[in-house]
Amino acid sequence: MNQQNKTFEESMTRLEQIVRAMEQGNVPLEESLKLFQEGTELVRSCGKLLDDAQLQIQKVMTAADGSPVMEDFQDE
């Protein structure tokens, strides 16, 4: 699956798998480099997804006249 088509959760799960594999220290160098590159792409992809989510939240929290709407966050 293409990194850009993965959900945030799928990307984070794969990133955790990569970190665990590399922490074990038994991955050959060439494979480590591939995993590192994949992990870097996943981090970049997750960052973009988070930035996009933040922009959506900011849009939702803007009144019709463009003024900011401040609401207390309520954790359920």
PDB file of N, CA and C in Angstrom:
ATOM      1  N   MET A   1       0.848  -1.178   0.000  1.00  0.00           N
ATOM      2  CA  MET A   1       0.000   0.000   0.000  1.00  0.00           C
ATOM      3  C   MET A   1       0.891   1.237   0.000  1.00  0.00           C
ATOM      4  N   ASN A   2       0.549   2.194  -0.799  1.00  0.00           N
ATOM      5  CA  ASN A   2       1.283   3.447  -0.905  1.00  0.00           C
ATOM      6  C   ASN A   2       1.183   4.216   0.408  1.00  0.00           C
ATOM      7  N   GLN A   3       2.293   4.849   0.826  1.00  0.00           N
ATOM      8  CA  GLN A   3       2.314   5.603   2.089  1.00  0.00           C
ATOM      9  C   GLN A   3       1.193   6.645   2.114  1.00  0.00           C
ATOM     10  N   GLN A   4       0.901   7.261   0.981  1.00  0.00           N
ATOM     11  CA  GLN A   4      -0.091   8.331   0.929  1.00  0.00           C
ATOM     12  C   GLN A   4      -1.511   7.800   1.069  1.00  0.00           C
ATOM     13  N   ASN A   5      -1.720   6.511   0.856  1.00  0.00           N
ATOM     14  CA  ASN A   5      -3.053   5.928   0.958  1.00  0.00           C
ATOM     15  C   ASN A   5      -3.321   5.301   2.319  1.00  0.00           C
ATOM     16  N   LYS A   6      -2.305   5.257   3.173  1.00  0.00           N
ATOM     17  CA  LYS A   6      -2.471   4.677   4.500  1.00  0.00           C
ATOM     18  C   LYS A   6      -3.128   5.675   5.439  1.00  0.00           C
ATOM     19  N   THR A   7      -3.898   5.147   6.383  1.00  0.00           N
ATOM     20  CA  THR A   7      -4.444   6.011   7.417  1.00  0.00           C
ATOM     21  C   THR A   7      -3.328   6.351   8.401  1.00  0.00           C
ATOM     22  N   PHE A   8      -3.578   7.333   9.227  1.00  0.00           N
ATOM     23  CA  PHE A   8      -2.613   7.725  10.252  1.00  0.00           C
ATOM     24  C   PHE A   8      -2.294   6.531  11.144  1.00  0.00           C
ATOM     25  N   GLU A   9      -3.328   5.815  11.547  1.00  0.00           N
ATOM     26  CA  GLU A   9      -3.149   4.682  12.450  1.00  0.00           C
ATOM     27  C   GLU A   9      -2.338   3.563  11.788  1.00  0.00           C
ATOM     28  N   GLU A  10      -2.606   3.293  10.522  1.00  0.00           N
ATOM     29  CA  GLU A  10      -1.841   2.266   9.806  1.00  0.00           C
ATOM     30  C   GLU A  10      -0.372   2.670   9.703  1.00  0.00           C
ATOM     31  N   SER A  11      -0.147   3.942   9.407  1.00  0.00           N
ATOM     32  CA  SER A  11       1.225   4.432   9.293  1.00  0.00           C
ATOM     33  C   SER A  11       1.957   4.338  10.622  1.00  0.00           C
ATOM     34  N   MET A  12       1.286   4.695  11.706  1.00  0.00           N
ATOM     35  CA  MET A  12       1.915   4.629  13.023  1.00  0.00           C
ATOM     36  C   MET A  12       2.218   3.181  13.418  1.00  0.00           C
ATOM     37  N   THR A  13       1.316   2.269  13.096  1.00  0.00           N
ATOM     38  CA  THR A  13       1.545   0.852  13.383  1.00  0.00           C
ATOM     39  C   THR A  13       2.772   0.346  12.631  1.00  0.00           C
ATOM     40  N   ARG A  14       2.863   0.691  11.358  1.00  0.00           N
ATOM     41  CA  ARG A  14       4.022   0.262  10.565  1.00  0.00           C
ATOM     42  C   ARG A  14       5.299   0.899  11.091  1.00  0.00           C
ATOM     43  N   LEU A  15       5.229   2.155  11.472  1.00  0.00           N
ATOM     44  CA  LEU A  15       6.397   2.849  12.013  1.00  0.00           C
ATOM     45  C   LEU A  15       6.876   2.170  13.297  1.00  0.00           C
ATOM     46  N   GLU A  16       5.949   1.764  14.153  1.00  0.00           N
ATOM     47  CA  GLU A  16       6.306   1.053  15.376  1.00  0.00           C
ATOM     48  C   GLU A  16       6.976  -0.280  15.051  1.00  0.00           C
ATOM     49  N   GLN A  17       6.497  -0.983  14.017  1.00  0.00           N
ATOM     50  CA  GLN A  17       7.106  -2.245  13.605  1.00  0.00           C
ATOM     51  C   GLN A  17       8.548  -2.018  13.143  1.00  0.00           C
ATOM     52  N   ILE A  18       8.750  -0.957  12.382  1.00  0.00           N
ATOM     53  CA  ILE A  18      10.083  -0.629  11.879  1.00  0.00           C
ATOM     54  C   ILE A  18      11.027  -0.328  13.036  1.00  0.00           C
ATOM     55  N   VAL A  19      10.566   0.467  13.981  1.00  0.00           N
ATOM     56  CA  VAL A  19      11.402   0.824  15.132  1.00  0.00           C
ATOM     57  C   VAL A  19      11.777  -0.416  15.925  1.00  0.00           C
ATOM     58  N   ARG A  20      10.808  -1.300  16.182  1.00  0.00           N
ATOM     59  CA  ARG A  20      11.097  -2.533  16.928  1.00  0.00           C
ATOM     60  C   ARG A  20      12.130  -3.387  16.197  1.00  0.00           C
ATOM     61  N   ALA A  21      11.969  -3.524  14.875  1.00  0.00           N
ATOM     62  CA  ALA A  21      12.908  -4.343  14.098  1.00  0.00           C
ATOM     63  C   ALA A  21      14.312  -3.756  14.155  1.00  0.00           C
ATOM     64  N   MET A  22      14.416  -2.456  14.043  1.00  0.00           N
ATOM     65  CA  MET A  22      15.735  -1.821  14.039  1.00  0.00           C
ATOM     66  C   MET A  22      16.360  -1.820  15.428  1.00  0.00           C
ATOM     67  N   GLU A  23      15.541  -1.722  16.463  1.00  0.00           N
ATOM     68  CA  GLU A  23      16.061  -1.754  17.834  1.00  0.00           C
ATOM     69  C   GLU A  23      16.653  -3.113  18.182  1.00  0.00           C
ATOM     70  N   GLN A  24      16.140  -4.163  17.577  1.00  0.00           N
ATOM     71  CA  GLN A  24      16.654  -5.504  17.858  1.00  0.00           C
ATOM     72  C   GLN A  24      18.090  -5.651  17.372  1.00  0.00           C
ATOM     73  N   GLY A  25      18.452  -4.885  16.369  1.00  0.00           N
ATOM     74  CA  GLY A  25      19.833  -4.875  15.901  1.00  0.00           C
ATOM     75  C   GLY A  25      20.259  -6.065  15.068  1.00  0.00           C
ATOM     76  N   ASN A  26      19.325  -6.889  14.653  1.00  0.00           N
ATOM     77  CA  ASN A  26      19.704  -8.065  13.860  1.00  0.00           C
ATOM     78  C   ASN A  26      19.272  -7.954  12.396  1.00  0.00           C
ATOM     79  N   VAL A  27      18.950  -6.742  11.962  1.00  0.00           N
ATOM     80  CA  VAL A  27      18.561  -6.509  10.575  1.00  0.00           C
ATOM     81  C   VAL A  27      19.815  -6.146   9.784  1.00  0.00           C
ATOM     82  N   PRO A  28      20.040  -6.805   8.650  1.00  0.00           N
ATOM     83  CA  PRO A  28      21.220  -6.482   7.834  1.00  0.00           C
ATOM     84  C   PRO A  28      21.219  -5.010   7.417  1.00  0.00           C
ATOM     85  N   LEU A  29      22.401  -4.484   7.154  1.00  0.00           N
ATOM     86  CA  LEU A  29      22.566  -3.066   6.841  1.00  0.00           C
ATOM     87  C   LEU A  29      21.675  -2.611   5.694  1.00  0.00           C
ATOM     88  N   GLU A  30      21.668  -3.355   4.597  1.00  0.00           N
ATOM     89  CA  GLU A  30      20.866  -2.949   3.435  1.00  0.00           C
ATOM     90  C   GLU A  30      19.383  -2.870   3.793  1.00  0.00           C
ATOM     91  N   GLU A  31      18.903  -3.848   4.539  1.00  0.00           N
ATOM     92  CA  GLU A  31      17.512  -3.855   4.973  1.00  0.00           C
ATOM     93  C   GLU A  31      17.252  -2.710   5.961  1.00  0.00           C
ATOM     94  N   SER A  32      18.209  -2.438   6.834  1.00  0.00           N
ATOM     95  CA  SER A  32      18.075  -1.316   7.776  1.00  0.00           C
ATOM     96  C   SER A  32      17.921   0.001   7.029  1.00  0.00           C
ATOM     97  N   LEU A  33      18.693   0.172   5.963  1.00  0.00           N
ATOM     98  CA  LEU A  33      18.590   1.403   5.180  1.00  0.00           C
ATOM     99  C   LEU A  33      17.212   1.529   4.525  1.00  0.00           C
ATOM    100  N   LYS A  34      16.679   0.406   4.028  1.00  0.00           N
ATOM    101  CA  LYS A  34      15.340   0.423   3.430  1.00  0.00           C
ATOM    102  C   LYS A  34      14.288   0.747   4.487  1.00  0.00           C
ATOM    103  N   LEU A  35      14.425   0.131   5.651  1.00  0.00           N
ATOM    104  CA  LEU A  35      13.480   0.396   6.740  1.00  0.00           C
ATOM    105  C   LEU A  35      13.564   1.851   7.198  1.00  0.00           C
ATOM    106  N   PHE A  36      14.781   2.376   7.282  1.00  0.00           N
ATOM    107  CA  PHE A  36      14.963   3.765   7.679  1.00  0.00           C
ATOM    108  C   PHE A  36      14.290   4.696   6.680  1.00  0.00           C
ATOM    109  N   GLN A  37      14.457   4.422   5.398  1.00  0.00           N
ATOM    110  CA  GLN A  37      13.833   5.256   4.368  1.00  0.00           C
ATOM    111  C   GLN A  37      12.312   5.166   4.455  1.00  0.00           C
ATOM    112  N   GLU A  38      11.794   3.953   4.622  1.00  0.00           N
ATOM    113  CA  GLU A  38      10.349   3.789   4.760  1.00  0.00           C
ATOM    114  C   GLU A  38       9.842   4.533   5.998  1.00  0.00           C
ATOM    115  N   GLY A  39      10.571   4.418   7.098  1.00  0.00           N
ATOM    116  CA  GLY A  39      10.181   5.109   8.330  1.00  0.00           C
ATOM    117  C   GLY A  39      10.173   6.618   8.157  1.00  0.00           C
ATOM    118  N   THR A  40      11.171   7.133   7.459  1.00  0.00           N
ATOM    119  CA  THR A  40      11.237   8.579   7.207  1.00  0.00           C
ATOM    120  C   THR A  40      10.035   9.037   6.393  1.00  0.00           C
ATOM    121  N   GLU A  41       9.667   8.251   5.379  1.00  0.00           N
ATOM    122  CA  GLU A  41       8.493   8.583   4.567  1.00  0.00           C
ATOM    123  C   GLU A  41       7.216   8.521   5.404  1.00  0.00           C
ATOM    124  N   LEU A  42       7.138   7.543   6.303  1.00  0.00           N
ATOM    125  CA  LEU A  42       5.967   7.429   7.174  1.00  0.00           C
ATOM    126  C   LEU A  42       5.861   8.620   8.123  1.00  0.00           C
ATOM    127  N   VAL A  43       6.986   9.049   8.676  1.00  0.00           N
ATOM    128  CA  VAL A  43       6.981  10.209   9.572  1.00  0.00           C
ATOM    129  C   VAL A  43       6.501  11.443   8.811  1.00  0.00           C
ATOM    130  N   ARG A  44       7.006  11.609   7.606  1.00  0.00           N
ATOM    131  CA  ARG A  44       6.606  12.751   6.777  1.00  0.00           C
ATOM    132  C   ARG A  44       5.106  12.696   6.468  1.00  0.00           C
ATOM    133  N   SER A  45       4.633  11.506   6.125  1.00  0.00           N
ATOM    134  CA  SER A  45       3.215  11.319   5.811  1.00  0.00           C
ATOM    135  C   SER A  45       2.337  11.602   7.035  1.00  0.00           C
ATOM    136  N   CYS A  46       2.746  11.090   8.198  1.00  0.00           N
ATOM    137  CA  CYS A  46       1.986  11.329   9.433  1.00  0.00           C
ATOM    138  C   CYS A  46       1.972  12.815   9.776  1.00  0.00           C
ATOM    139  N   GLY A  47       3.092  13.473   9.590  1.00  0.00           N
ATOM    140  CA  GLY A  47       3.161  14.917   9.845  1.00  0.00           C
ATOM    141  C   GLY A  47       2.192  15.681   8.965  1.00  0.00           C
ATOM    142  N   LYS A  48       2.107  15.291   7.700  1.00  0.00           N
ATOM    143  CA  LYS A  48       1.180  15.961   6.782  1.00  0.00           C
ATOM    144  C   LYS A  48      -0.256  15.706   7.199  1.00  0.00           C
ATOM    145  N   LEU A  49      -0.562  14.459   7.571  1.00  0.00           N
ATOM    146  CA  LEU A  49      -1.915  14.147   8.021  1.00  0.00           C
ATOM    147  C   LEU A  49      -2.293  14.963   9.257  1.00  0.00           C
ATOM    148  N   LEU A  50      -1.364  15.119  10.196  1.00  0.00           N
ATOM    149  CA  LEU A  50      -1.630  15.916  11.398  1.00  0.00           C
ATOM    150  C   LEU A  50      -1.806  17.397  11.053  1.00  0.00           C
ATOM    151  N   ASP A  51      -0.972  17.900  10.134  1.00  0.00           N
ATOM    152  CA  ASP A  51      -1.110  19.298   9.708  1.00  0.00           C
ATOM    153  C   ASP A  51      -2.470  19.531   9.050  1.00  0.00           C
ATOM    154  N   ASP A  52      -2.890  18.589   8.194  1.00  0.00           N
ATOM    155  CA  ASP A  52      -4.192  18.701   7.532  1.00  0.00           C
ATOM    156  C   ASP A  52      -5.329  18.673   8.548  1.00  0.00           C
ATOM    157  N   ALA A  53      -5.210  17.805   9.548  1.00  0.00           N
ATOM    158  CA  ALA A  53      -6.239  17.725  10.590  1.00  0.00           C
ATOM    159  C   ALA A  53      -6.313  19.027  11.372  1.00  0.00           C
ATOM    160  N   GLN A  54      -5.160  19.613  11.662  1.00  0.00           N
ATOM    161  CA  GLN A  54      -5.137  20.883  12.377  1.00  0.00           C
ATOM    162  C   GLN A  54      -5.819  21.983  11.567  1.00  0.00           C
ATOM    163  N   LEU A  55      -5.589  22.009  10.267  1.00  0.00           N
ATOM    164  CA  LEU A  55      -6.238  23.006   9.413  1.00  0.00           C
ATOM    165  C   LEU A  55      -7.747  22.813   9.406  1.00  0.00           C
ATOM    166  N   GLN A  56      -8.197  21.571   9.369  1.00  0.00           N
ATOM    167  CA  GLN A  56      -9.636  21.305   9.407  1.00  0.00           C
ATOM    168  C   GLN A  56     -10.240  21.779  10.719  1.00  0.00           C
ATOM    169  N   ILE A  57      -9.532  21.546  11.819  1.00  0.00           N
ATOM    170  CA  ILE A  57     -10.020  21.993  13.127  1.00  0.00           C
ATOM    171  C   ILE A  57     -10.098  23.514  13.163  1.00  0.00           C
ATOM    172  N   GLN A  58      -9.088  24.171  12.629  1.00  0.00           N
ATOM    173  CA  GLN A  58      -9.091  25.629  12.602  1.00  0.00           C
ATOM    174  C   GLN A  58     -10.252  26.157  11.773  1.00  0.00           C
ATOM    175  N   LYS A  59     -10.579  25.499  10.668  1.00  0.00           N
ATOM    176  CA  LYS A  59     -11.709  25.923   9.838  1.00  0.00           C
ATOM    177  C   LYS A  59     -13.009  25.774  10.601  1.00  0.00           C
ATOM    178  N   VAL A  60     -13.147  24.653  11.307  1.00  0.00           N
ATOM    179  CA  VAL A  60     -14.362  24.396  12.079  1.00  0.00           C
ATOM    180  C   VAL A  60     -14.512  25.414  13.196  1.00  0.00           C
ATOM    181  N   MET A  61     -13.386  25.865  13.744  1.00  0.00           N
ATOM    182  CA  MET A  61     -13.420  26.778  14.876  1.00  0.00           C
ATOM    183  C   MET A  61     -13.409  28.243  14.437  1.00  0.00           C
ATOM    184  N   THR A  62     -13.816  28.505  13.187  1.00  0.00           N
ATOM    185  CA  THR A  62     -13.903  29.869  12.692  1.00  0.00           C
ATOM    186  C   THR A  62     -15.362  30.189  12.435  1.00  0.00           C
ATOM    187  N   ALA A  63     -15.823  31.335  12.943  1.00  0.00           N
ATOM    188  CA  ALA A  63     -17.204  31.756  12.755  1.00  0.00           C
ATOM    189  C   ALA A  63     -17.433  32.127  11.289  1.00  0.00           C
ATOM    190  N   ALA A  64     -18.700  32.283  10.921  1.00  0.00           N
ATOM    191  CA  ALA A  64     -19.060  32.613   9.541  1.00  0.00           C
ATOM    192  C   ALA A  64     -18.404  33.904   9.070  1.00  0.00           C
ATOM    193  N   ASP A  65     -18.193  34.855   9.989  1.00  0.00           N
ATOM    194  CA  ASP A  65     -17.570  36.122   9.610  1.00  0.00           C
ATOM    195  C   ASP A  65     -16.046  36.048   9.618  1.00  0.00           C
ATOM    196  N   GLY A  66     -15.504  34.861   9.883  1.00  0.00           N
ATOM    197  CA  GLY A  66     -14.066  34.677   9.875  1.00  0.00           C
ATOM    198  C   GLY A  66     -13.402  34.864  11.221  1.00  0.00           C
ATOM    199  N   SER A  67     -14.160  35.317  12.203  1.00  0.00           N
ATOM    200  CA  SER A  67     -13.577  35.513  13.528  1.00  0.00           C
ATOM    201  C   SER A  67     -13.422  34.164  14.235  1.00  0.00           C
ATOM    202  N   PRO A  68     -12.417  34.064  15.076  1.00  0.00           N
ATOM    203  CA  PRO A  68     -12.198  32.781  15.757  1.00  0.00           C
ATOM    204  C   PRO A  68     -13.272  32.500  16.796  1.00  0.00           C
ATOM    205  N   VAL A  69     -13.614  31.250  16.913  1.00  0.00           N
ATOM    206  CA  VAL A  69     -14.570  30.791  17.909  1.00  0.00           C
ATOM    207  C   VAL A  69     -13.782  29.992  18.920  1.00  0.00           C
ATOM    208  N   MET A  70     -13.772  30.462  20.151  1.00  0.00           N
ATOM    209  CA  MET A  70     -13.024  29.780  21.206  1.00  0.00           C
ATOM    210  C   MET A  70     -13.992  28.963  22.048  1.00  0.00           C
ATOM    211  N   GLU A  71     -13.709  27.690  22.138  1.00  0.00           N
ATOM    212  CA  GLU A  71     -14.512  26.803  22.970  1.00  0.00           C
ATOM    213  C   GLU A  71     -13.573  25.991  23.832  1.00  0.00           C
ATOM    214  N   ASP A  72     -13.997  25.695  25.039  1.00  0.00           N
ATOM    215  CA  ASP A  72     -13.215  24.839  25.908  1.00  0.00           C
ATOM    216  C   ASP A  72     -13.273  23.414  25.380  1.00  0.00           C
ATOM    217  N   PHE A  73     -12.116  22.766  25.384  1.00  0.00           N
ATOM    218  CA  PHE A  73     -12.065  21.365  24.976  1.00  0.00           C
ATOM    219  C   PHE A  73     -12.618  20.525  26.110  1.00  0.00           C
ATOM    220  N   GLN A  74     -13.549  19.652  25.761  1.00  0.00           N
ATOM    221  CA  GLN A  74     -14.129  18.782  26.775  1.00  0.00           C
ATOM    222  C   GLN A  74     -13.810  17.344  26.408  1.00  0.00           C
ATOM    223  N   ASP A  75     -12.994  16.721  27.223  1.00  0.00           N
ATOM    224  CA  ASP A  75     -12.624  15.332  26.995  1.00  0.00           C
ATOM    225  C   ASP A  75     -13.702  14.452  27.564  1.00  0.00           C
ATOM    226  N   GLU A  76     -14.238  13.570  26.729  1.00  0.00           N
ATOM    227  CA  GLU A  76     -15.333  12.707  27.182  1.00  0.00           C
ATOM    228  C   GLU A  76     -14.825  11.481  27.835  1.00  0.00           C
TER     229      GLU A  76
END
